PDB file of N, CA and C in Angstrom:
ATOM      1  N   MET A   1       0.891  -1.071  -0.247  1.00  0.00           N
ATOM      2  CA  MET A   1       0.088  -0.020   0.198  1.00  0.00           C
ATOM      3  C   MET A   1       0.606   1.486  -0.029  1.00  0.00           C
ATOM      4  N   LYS A   2       0.582   2.544  -0.778  1.00  0.00           N
ATOM      5  CA  LYS A   2       1.634   3.631  -1.258  1.00  0.00           C
ATOM      6  C   LYS A   2       1.281   4.434   0.226  1.00  0.00           C
ATOM      7  N   LYS A   3       1.935   5.059   0.559  1.00  0.00           N
ATOM      8  CA  LYS A   3       1.988   5.996   1.713  1.00  0.00           C
ATOM      9  C   LYS A   3       1.003   7.629   1.271  1.00  0.00           C
ATOM     10  N   LEU A   4       0.243   7.759   1.930  1.00  0.00           N
ATOM     11  CA  LEU A   4      -0.769   9.148   1.429  1.00  0.00           C
ATOM     12  C   LEU A   4       0.402   9.987   1.786  1.00  0.00           C
ATOM     13  N   LEU A   5       0.960  11.184   1.018  1.00  0.00           N
ATOM     14  CA  LEU A   5       1.292  12.340   1.110  1.00  0.00           C
ATOM     15  C   LEU A   5       0.508  13.491   1.543  1.00  0.00           C
ATOM     16  N   ASP A   6       0.256  13.112   2.777  1.00  0.00           N
ATOM     17  CA  ASP A   6      -0.988  14.198   3.548  1.00  0.00           C
ATOM     18  C   ASP A   6      -0.631  15.350   3.663  1.00  0.00           C
ATOM     19  N   ARG A   7       0.577  15.814   3.906  1.00  0.00           N
ATOM     20  CA  ARG A   7       1.111  17.360   4.269  1.00  0.00           C
ATOM     21  C   ARG A   7       0.923  18.078   2.805  1.00  0.00           C
ATOM     22  N   ILE A   8       0.908  17.608   1.966  1.00  0.00           N
ATOM     23  CA  ILE A   8       1.323  18.039   0.653  1.00  0.00           C
ATOM     24  C   ILE A   8       0.314  18.992  -0.299  1.00  0.00           C
ATOM     25  N   THR A   9       0.003  19.937  -0.417  1.00  0.00           N
ATOM     26  CA  THR A   9      -1.484  20.198  -0.975  1.00  0.00           C
ATOM     27  C   THR A   9      -0.493  20.702  -2.288  1.00  0.00           C
ATOM     28  N   VAL A  10      -1.414  21.098  -3.740  1.00  0.00           N
ATOM     29  CA  VAL A  10      -1.427  21.747  -4.471  1.00  0.00           C
ATOM     30  C   VAL A  10      -2.575  22.893  -4.866  1.00  0.00           C
ATOM     31  N   ASN A  11      -2.896  24.237  -4.606  1.00  0.00           N
ATOM     32  CA  ASN A  11      -3.705  24.784  -4.792  1.00  0.00           C
ATOM     33  C   ASN A  11      -3.402  25.849  -5.994  1.00  0.00           C
ATOM     34  N   PRO A  12      -4.033  25.560  -7.140  1.00  0.00           N
ATOM     35  CA  PRO A  12      -3.522  27.276  -7.670  1.00  0.00           C
ATOM     36  C   PRO A  12      -3.981  28.611  -7.437  1.00  0.00           C
ATOM     37  N   GLU A  13      -5.064  28.355  -6.267  1.00  0.00           N
ATOM     38  CA  GLU A  13      -4.787  29.977  -5.543  1.00  0.00           C
ATOM     39  C   GLU A  13      -3.906  30.373  -4.491  1.00  0.00           C
ATOM     40  N   VAL A  14      -2.864  29.376  -4.366  1.00  0.00           N
ATOM     41  CA  VAL A  14      -1.714  29.296  -3.230  1.00  0.00           C
ATOM     42  C   VAL A  14      -0.827  29.064  -3.945  1.00  0.00           C
ATOM     43  N   CYS A  15      -0.001  30.482  -3.555  1.00  0.00           N
ATOM     44  CA  CYS A  15       1.628  30.110  -4.354  1.00  0.00           C
ATOM     45  C   CYS A  15       1.647  29.875  -5.577  1.00  0.00           C
ATOM     46  N   MET A  16       1.155  30.314  -6.788  1.00  0.00           N
ATOM     47  CA  MET A  16       0.616  29.608  -8.150  1.00  0.00           C
ATOM     48  C   MET A  16       1.005  27.971  -8.386  1.00  0.00           C
ATOM     49  N   GLY A  17      -0.134  27.551  -7.562  1.00  0.00           N
ATOM     50  CA  GLY A  17      -0.275  25.901  -7.625  1.00  0.00           C
ATOM     51  C   GLY A  17       1.441  25.237  -7.655  1.00  0.00           C
ATOM     52  N   GLN A  18       2.376  25.989  -6.688  1.00  0.00           N
ATOM     53  CA  GLN A  18       3.660  25.229  -6.653  1.00  0.00           C
ATOM     54  C   GLN A  18       3.188  24.301  -5.158  1.00  0.00           C
ATOM     55  N   PRO A  19       3.680  23.185  -5.524  1.00  0.00           N
ATOM     56  CA  PRO A  19       3.337  22.609  -3.966  1.00  0.00           C
ATOM     57  C   PRO A  19       3.355  22.955  -2.752  1.00  0.00           C
ATOM     58  N   THR A  20       2.386  23.180  -1.671  1.00  0.00           N
ATOM     59  CA  THR A  20       2.862  23.631  -0.202  1.00  0.00           C
ATOM     60  C   THR A  20       2.631  22.606   0.772  1.00  0.00           C
ATOM     61  N   ILE A  21       2.842  23.084   1.886  1.00  0.00           N
ATOM     62  CA  ILE A  21       2.817  21.690   3.137  1.00  0.00           C
ATOM     63  C   ILE A  21       1.417  22.489   3.376  1.00  0.00           C
ATOM     64  N   ARG A  22       0.733  21.732   3.580  1.00  0.00           N
ATOM     65  CA  ARG A  22      -0.357  22.037   4.152  1.00  0.00           C
ATOM     66  C   ARG A  22      -1.477  23.062   4.392  1.00  0.00           C
ATOM     67  N   GLY A  23      -1.030  23.879   2.553  1.00  0.00           N
ATOM     68  CA  GLY A  23      -1.735  24.636   2.457  1.00  0.00           C
ATOM     69  C   GLY A  23      -1.298  26.079   2.820  1.00  0.00           C
ATOM     70  N   MET A  24      -0.377  26.244   3.667  1.00  0.00           N
ATOM     71  CA  MET A  24       0.489  26.951   3.828  1.00  0.00           C
ATOM     72  C   MET A  24       0.897  27.871   3.073  1.00  0.00           C
ATOM     73  N   ARG A  25       1.670  28.885   2.986  1.00  0.00           N
ATOM     74  CA  ARG A  25       2.612  29.691   2.192  1.00  0.00           C
ATOM     75  C   ARG A  25       3.778  29.495   1.633  1.00  0.00           C
ATOM     76  N   ILE A  26       3.978  28.219   2.402  1.00  0.00           N
ATOM     77  CA  ILE A  26       5.701  28.115   2.905  1.00  0.00           C
ATOM     78  C   ILE A  26       5.630  26.542   1.489  1.00  0.00           C
ATOM     79  N   THR A  27       6.516  26.893   0.934  1.00  0.00           N
ATOM     80  CA  THR A  27       6.243  25.610  -0.750  1.00  0.00           C
ATOM     81  C   THR A  27       7.639  25.149  -0.262  1.00  0.00           C
ATOM     82  N   VAL A  28       7.354  23.102  -0.918  1.00  0.00           N
ATOM     83  CA  VAL A  28       7.626  22.314  -1.141  1.00  0.00           C
ATOM     84  C   VAL A  28       9.560  22.730  -0.643  1.00  0.00           C
ATOM     85  N   ALA A  29       9.221  23.570  -2.180  1.00  0.00           N
ATOM     86  CA  ALA A  29      11.150  23.810  -2.593  1.00  0.00           C
ATOM     87  C   ALA A  29      11.942  24.740  -1.792  1.00  0.00           C
ATOM     88  N   PHE A  30      11.262  25.285  -1.074  1.00  0.00           N
ATOM     89  CA  PHE A  30      11.597  26.381  -0.035  1.00  0.00           C
ATOM     90  C   PHE A  30      12.393  25.691   0.930  1.00  0.00           C
ATOM     91  N   VAL A  31      11.271  24.487   1.645  1.00  0.00           N
ATOM     92  CA  VAL A  31      11.909  23.884   2.954  1.00  0.00           C
ATOM     93  C   VAL A  31      12.980  23.272   2.094  1.00  0.00           C
ATOM     94  N   LEU A  32      13.168  22.352   0.756  1.00  0.00           N
ATOM     95  CA  LEU A  32      13.845  22.139   0.669  1.00  0.00           C
ATOM     96  C   LEU A  32      15.683  23.129   0.483  1.00  0.00           C
ATOM     97  N   LYS A  33      15.263  24.042  -0.353  1.00  0.00           N
ATOM     98  CA  LYS A  33      15.933  24.777  -0.489  1.00  0.00           C
ATOM     99  C   LYS A  33      17.063  25.008   0.990  1.00  0.00           C
ATOM    100  N   LEU A  34      15.955  25.331   1.902  1.00  0.00           N
ATOM    101  CA  LEU A  34      16.117  25.318   3.657  1.00  0.00           C
ATOM    102  C   LEU A  34      17.485  24.329   3.801  1.00  0.00           C
ATOM    103  N   LEU A  35      16.936  23.481   3.741  1.00  0.00           N
ATOM    104  CA  LEU A  35      17.981  21.814   3.941  1.00  0.00           C
ATOM    105  C   LEU A  35      19.175  21.759   3.185  1.00  0.00           C
ATOM    106  N   ALA A  36      18.849  22.326   1.694  1.00  0.00           N
ATOM    107  CA  ALA A  36      20.115  21.948   0.932  1.00  0.00           C
ATOM    108  C   ALA A  36      21.139  23.591   1.420  1.00  0.00           C
ATOM    109  N   SER A  37      20.205  23.957   2.182  1.00  0.00           N
ATOM    110  CA  SER A  37      21.612  25.230   2.493  1.00  0.00           C
ATOM    111  C   SER A  37      22.505  24.905   3.807  1.00  0.00           C
ATOM    112  N   GLY A  38      21.890  24.121   4.241  1.00  0.00           N
ATOM    113  CA  GLY A  38      22.825  22.845   5.804  1.00  0.00           C
ATOM    114  C   GLY A  38      22.271  23.374   6.238  1.00  0.00           C
ATOM    115  N   MET A  39      20.936  24.155   6.504  1.00  0.00           N
ATOM    116  CA  MET A  39      19.844  24.248   8.145  1.00  0.00           C
ATOM    117  C   MET A  39      19.269  22.675   8.708  1.00  0.00           C
ATOM    118  N   SER A  40      19.628  22.647   9.673  1.00  0.00           N
ATOM    119  CA  SER A  40      18.283  21.414  10.121  1.00  0.00           C
ATOM    120  C   SER A  40      17.779  21.941  10.396  1.00  0.00           C
ATOM    121  N   HIS A  41      17.006  20.741  10.752  1.00  0.00           N
ATOM    122  CA  HIS A  41      15.731  20.443  11.044  1.00  0.00           C
ATOM    123  C   HIS A  41      15.237  21.513  12.418  1.00  0.00           C
ATOM    124  N   GLU A  42      15.469  20.897  13.492  1.00  0.00           N
ATOM    125  CA  GLU A  42      15.890  22.009  14.340  1.00  0.00           C
ATOM    126  C   GLU A  42      15.759  23.519  13.995  1.00  0.00           C
ATOM    127  N   GLU A  43      16.627  23.568  13.025  1.00  0.00           N
ATOM    128  CA  GLU A  43      16.576  24.947  12.774  1.00  0.00           C
ATOM    129  C   GLU A  43      15.581  25.597  12.218  1.00  0.00           C
ATOM    130  N   ILE A  44      15.222  24.555  11.163  1.00  0.00           N
ATOM    131  CA  ILE A  44      13.934  25.066  10.335  1.00  0.00           C
ATOM    132  C   ILE A  44      12.770  25.156  11.218  1.00  0.00           C
ATOM    133  N   LEU A  45      12.471  24.899  12.367  1.00  0.00           N
ATOM    134  CA  LEU A  45      11.566  24.650  12.868  1.00  0.00           C
ATOM    135  C   LEU A  45      11.652  25.551  14.081  1.00  0.00           C
ATOM    136  N   LYS A  46      12.755  25.924  14.405  1.00  0.00           N
ATOM    137  CA  LYS A  46      12.699  27.426  15.634  1.00  0.00           C
ATOM    138  C   LYS A  46      12.413  28.503  14.644  1.00  0.00           C
ATOM    139  N   ALA A  47      12.768  28.676  13.094  1.00  0.00           N
ATOM    140  CA  ALA A  47      12.592  29.588  12.512  1.00  0.00           C
ATOM    141  C   ALA A  47      11.208  29.375  12.378  1.00  0.00           C
ATOM    142  N   TYR A  48      10.437  28.800  11.278  1.00  0.00           N
ATOM    143  CA  TYR A  48       9.127  28.782  11.089  1.00  0.00           C
ATOM    144  C   TYR A  48       8.525  27.848  11.792  1.00  0.00           C
ATOM    145  N   PRO A  49       8.220  28.105  13.099  1.00  0.00           N
ATOM    146  CA  PRO A  49       7.235  27.493  14.306  1.00  0.00           C
ATOM    147  C   PRO A  49       6.198  26.879  13.860  1.00  0.00           C
ATOM    148  N   GLU A  50       5.149  27.544  12.417  1.00  0.00           N
ATOM    149  CA  GLU A  50       4.366  26.566  11.928  1.00  0.00           C
ATOM    150  C   GLU A  50       4.274  25.721  11.427  1.00  0.00           C
ATOM    151  N   LEU A  51       5.944  25.445  11.141  1.00  0.00           N
ATOM    152  CA  LEU A  51       5.618  24.094  10.466  1.00  0.00           C
ATOM    153  C   LEU A  51       6.396  22.928  11.814  1.00  0.00           C
ATOM    154  N   GLU A  52       6.290  21.816  11.595  1.00  0.00           N
ATOM    155  CA  GLU A  52       6.278  20.419  12.253  1.00  0.00           C
ATOM    156  C   GLU A  52       7.121  19.513  11.236  1.00  0.00           C
ATOM    157  N   GLU A  53       8.127  18.819  12.279  1.00  0.00           N
ATOM    158  CA  GLU A  53       8.931  17.118  11.617  1.00  0.00           C
ATOM    159  C   GLU A  53       8.461  17.106  10.803  1.00  0.00           C
ATOM    160  N   LYS A  54       6.977  16.339  11.180  1.00  0.00           N
ATOM    161  CA  LYS A  54       6.724  15.332  10.290  1.00  0.00           C
ATOM    162  C   LYS A  54       6.445  16.298   8.523  1.00  0.00           C
ATOM    163  N   ASP A  55       6.588  17.868   8.567  1.00  0.00           N
ATOM    164  CA  ASP A  55       6.284  18.411   7.049  1.00  0.00           C
ATOM    165  C   ASP A  55       7.957  18.674   6.459  1.00  0.00           C
ATOM    166  N   ILE A  56       8.806  18.315   7.061  1.00  0.00           N
ATOM    167  CA  ILE A  56      10.261  18.643   6.977  1.00  0.00           C
ATOM    168  C   ILE A  56      10.180  16.692   6.003  1.00  0.00           C
ATOM    169  N   LEU A  57       9.986  15.980   6.724  1.00  0.00           N
ATOM    170  CA  LEU A  57      10.223  14.564   6.516  1.00  0.00           C
ATOM    171  C   LEU A  57       9.195  14.552   5.234  1.00  0.00           C
ATOM    172  N   GLN A  58       8.126  14.697   5.102  1.00  0.00           N
ATOM    173  CA  GLN A  58       7.910  14.383   4.022  1.00  0.00           C
ATOM    174  C   GLN A  58       7.723  15.427   2.941  1.00  0.00           C
ATOM    175  N   ALA A  59       8.000  16.124   2.884  1.00  0.00           N
ATOM    176  CA  ALA A  59       8.835  17.531   1.513  1.00  0.00           C
ATOM    177  C   ALA A  59      10.031  16.648   1.250  1.00  0.00           C
ATOM    178  N   ILE A  60      11.049  15.832   1.909  1.00  0.00           N
ATOM    179  CA  ILE A  60      11.968  15.476   1.554  1.00  0.00           C
ATOM    180  C   ILE A  60      11.234  14.171   0.573  1.00  0.00           C
ATOM    181  N   GLU A  61      10.349  13.498   1.274  1.00  0.00           N
ATOM    182  CA  GLU A  61       9.750  12.084   0.297  1.00  0.00           C
ATOM    183  C   GLU A  61       9.391  12.594  -0.762  1.00  0.00           C
ATOM    184  N   TYR A  62       8.391  13.900  -0.607  1.00  0.00           N
ATOM    185  CA  TYR A  62       7.904  14.569  -2.056  1.00  0.00           C
ATOM    186  C   TYR A  62       8.553  14.496  -2.965  1.00  0.00           C
ATOM    187  N   ALA A  63       9.882  15.093  -2.643  1.00  0.00           N
ATOM    188  CA  ALA A  63      11.057  15.710  -3.237  1.00  0.00           C
ATOM    189  C   ALA A  63      11.697  14.104  -4.281  1.00  0.00           C
ATOM    190  N   ALA A  64      12.127  12.624  -3.325  1.00  0.00           N
ATOM    191  CA  ALA A  64      12.425  11.825  -3.478  1.00  0.00           C
ATOM    192  C   ALA A  64      11.740  10.727  -4.690  1.00  0.00           C
ATOM    193  N   TRP A  65      10.335  11.162  -4.223  1.00  0.00           N
ATOM    194  CA  TRP A  65       9.118  10.430  -5.389  1.00  0.00           C
ATOM    195  C   TRP A  65       9.312  11.237  -6.476  1.00  0.00           C
ATOM    196  N   LEU A  66       9.919  12.410  -6.879  1.00  0.00           N
ATOM    197  CA  LEU A  66       9.876  13.168  -8.253  1.00  0.00           C
ATOM    198  C   LEU A  66      10.192  12.781  -8.683  1.00  0.00           C
ATOM    199  N   ALA A  67      11.843  13.016  -7.744  1.00  0.00           N
ATOM    200  CA  ALA A  67      13.029  12.522  -8.918  1.00  0.00           C
ATOM    201  C   ALA A  67      13.517  10.887  -9.515  1.00  0.00           C
ATOM    202  N   GLY A  68      12.538  10.092  -8.683  1.00  0.00           N
ATOM    203  CA  GLY A  68      12.125   8.952  -9.096  1.00  0.00           C
ATOM    204  C   GLY A  68      11.445   8.549 -10.595  1.00  0.00           C
ATOM    205  N   GLU A  69      10.707   9.952 -10.682  1.00  0.00           N
ATOM    206  CA  GLU A  69       9.162   9.984 -11.697  1.00  0.00           C
ATOM    207  C   GLU A  69       9.951  10.009 -13.134  1.00  0.00           C
ATOM    208  N   TYR A  70      10.598  10.694 -12.745  1.00  0.00           N
ATOM    209  CA  TYR A  70      11.461  11.694 -13.967  1.00  0.00           C
ATOM    210  C   TYR A  70      13.087  11.526 -14.557  1.00  0.00           C
ATOM    211  N   TYR A  71      13.332  11.139 -15.840  1.00  0.00           N
ATOM    212  CA  TYR A  71      14.354  11.157 -16.321  1.00  0.00           C
ATOM    213  C   TYR A  71      14.978  12.504 -16.726  1.00  0.00           C
ATOM    214  N   HIS A  72      15.667  13.448 -16.592  1.00  0.00           N
ATOM    215  CA  HIS A  72      16.287  14.677 -17.060  1.00  0.00           C
ATOM    216  C   HIS A  72      17.814  14.937 -16.876  1.00  0.00           C
ATOM    217  N   PRO A  73      18.191  14.387 -18.104  1.00  0.00           N
ATOM    218  CA  PRO A  73      19.562  14.257 -17.983  1.00  0.00           C
ATOM    219  C   PRO A  73      20.033  15.672 -17.808  1.00  0.00           C
ATOM    220  N   PHE A  74      21.282  15.861 -17.386  1.00  0.00           N
ATOM    221  CA  PHE A  74      21.759  17.077 -17.655  1.00  0.00           C
ATOM    222  C   PHE A  74      22.389  17.592 -18.379  1.00  0.00           C
ATOM    223  N   PRO A  75      22.350  18.923 -18.577  1.00  0.00           N
ATOM    224  CA  PRO A  75      22.911  19.742 -19.995  1.00  0.00           C
ATOM    225  C   PRO A  75      24.594  19.447 -20.069  1.00  0.00           C
ATOM    226  N   ALA A  76      25.225  19.119 -20.914  1.00  0.00           N
ATOM    227  CA  ALA A  76      26.403  19.528 -20.819  1.00  0.00           C
ATOM    228  C   ALA A  76      27.374  20.364 -20.941  1.00  0.00           C
ATOM    229  N   PHE A  77      28.299  20.472 -20.006  1.00  0.00           N
ATOM    230  CA  PHE A  77      28.514  22.566 -19.686  1.00  0.00           C
ATOM    231  C   PHE A  77      29.129  22.657 -20.690  1.00  0.00           C
ATOM    232  N   ALA A  78      29.332  23.911 -20.904  1.00  0.00           N
ATOM    233  CA  ALA A  78      31.141  23.996 -21.539  1.00  0.00           C
ATOM    234  C   ALA A  78      31.959  24.558 -20.880  1.00  0.00           C
ATOM    235  N   GLU A  79      33.200  24.110 -21.350  1.00  0.00           N
ATOM    236  CA  GLU A  79      34.167  24.408 -20.302  1.00  0.00           C
ATOM    237  C   GLU A  79      35.524  25.522 -20.786  1.00  0.00           C
TER     238      GLU A  79
END
């Protein structure tokens, strides 16, 4: 049985239809960028108290699902 991504919402009226966390104006991409910048879960939760640990984990899970769904080769870089 597949796990439901119940904390990720998409609404054309919120953040131009980008996936958000529980309908808030915090996008999945924003949470992932915070993680990629080196922020810990604890730091993110302190900076954005409306988020919960489960929100961060589900954002990561959503990104992993997307990464596995599509194949997009990287363009060749000119040297």
